[in-house]
Amino acid sequence: MRMRIEWNRVTWYSWLAAVVVFGGALLAGFYLGARWEQVHMENALTEFPGAPTGTAAAGR
């Protein structure tokens, strides 16, 4: 049995693959955005108010 590629037809597995890719990209974007915000908040809380940029309060 030989399967032929039908380029102009939406099949159930192509639709499912599109939903999985879109959902995965959406979830990854939300996760990375939340993590980005968390890291920036942690950095803002650990710096001295008058210290030069890049100097953290932890050990310097």
Protein backbone atom coordinates (compact mmCIF):
# COMPACT_ATOMS: atom_id res chain seq x y z
CA MET A 1 0.00 0.00 0.00
CA ARG A 2 1.49 3.27 -1.10
CA MET A 3 0.37 6.56 0.45
CA ARG A 4 0.23 9.58 -1.75
CA ILE A 5 0.78 13.07 -0.40
CA GLU A 6 -2.25 15.30 -0.81
CA TRP A 7 -0.94 18.84 -0.50
CA ASN A 8 -4.27 20.68 -0.72
CA ARG A 9 -6.24 18.62 1.77
CA VAL A 10 -6.48 19.02 5.55
CA THR A 11 -6.36 15.65 7.25
CA TRP A 12 -7.08 14.80 10.89
CA TYR A 13 -3.41 14.28 11.65
CA SER A 14 -2.29 17.52 10.00
CA TRP A 15 -4.98 19.38 11.96
CA LEU A 16 -3.89 17.66 15.18
CA ALA A 17 -0.23 18.49 14.51
CA ALA A 18 -1.14 22.16 13.94
CA VAL A 19 -3.10 22.29 17.21
CA VAL A 20 -0.26 20.65 19.16
CA VAL A 21 2.38 22.99 17.68
CA PHE A 22 0.24 26.10 18.28
CA GLY A 23 -0.62 25.04 21.83
CA GLY A 24 2.98 24.18 22.61
CA ALA A 25 4.21 27.52 21.30
CA LEU A 26 1.56 29.35 23.31
CA LEU A 27 2.42 27.53 26.53
CA ALA A 28 6.16 27.97 25.96
CA GLY A 29 5.63 31.70 25.41
CA PHE A 30 3.63 32.09 28.61
CA TYR A 31 6.21 30.10 30.58
CA LEU A 32 9.17 32.04 29.22
CA GLY A 33 7.40 35.37 29.75
CA ALA A 34 6.58 34.51 33.36
CA ARG A 35 10.14 33.32 33.99
CA TRP A 36 11.56 36.48 32.40
CA GLU A 37 9.43 38.63 34.69
CA GLN A 38 10.41 36.58 37.75
CA VAL A 39 14.14 36.93 37.01
CA HIS A 40 13.83 40.68 36.49
CA MET A 41 11.89 41.09 39.75
CA GLU A 42 14.51 39.08 41.65
CA ASN A 43 17.30 41.20 40.15
CA ALA A 44 15.47 44.42 41.03
CA LEU A 45 15.01 43.30 44.64
CA THR A 46 18.66 42.29 45.16
CA GLU A 47 20.32 45.48 43.90
CA PHE A 48 21.20 48.43 46.12
CA PRO A 49 19.14 51.49 45.29
CA GLY A 50 22.18 53.69 44.64
CA ALA A 51 24.66 51.09 43.44
CA PRO A 52 26.15 51.14 39.94
CA THR A 53 24.48 48.86 37.41
CA GLY A 54 25.41 45.20 37.76
CA THR A 55 26.34 45.33 41.44
CA ALA A 56 24.21 42.94 43.45
CA ALA A 57 23.56 43.22 47.16
CA ALA A 58 24.34 39.56 47.82
CA GLY A 59 28.10 39.71 48.22
CA ARG A 60 29.52 42.86 46.75
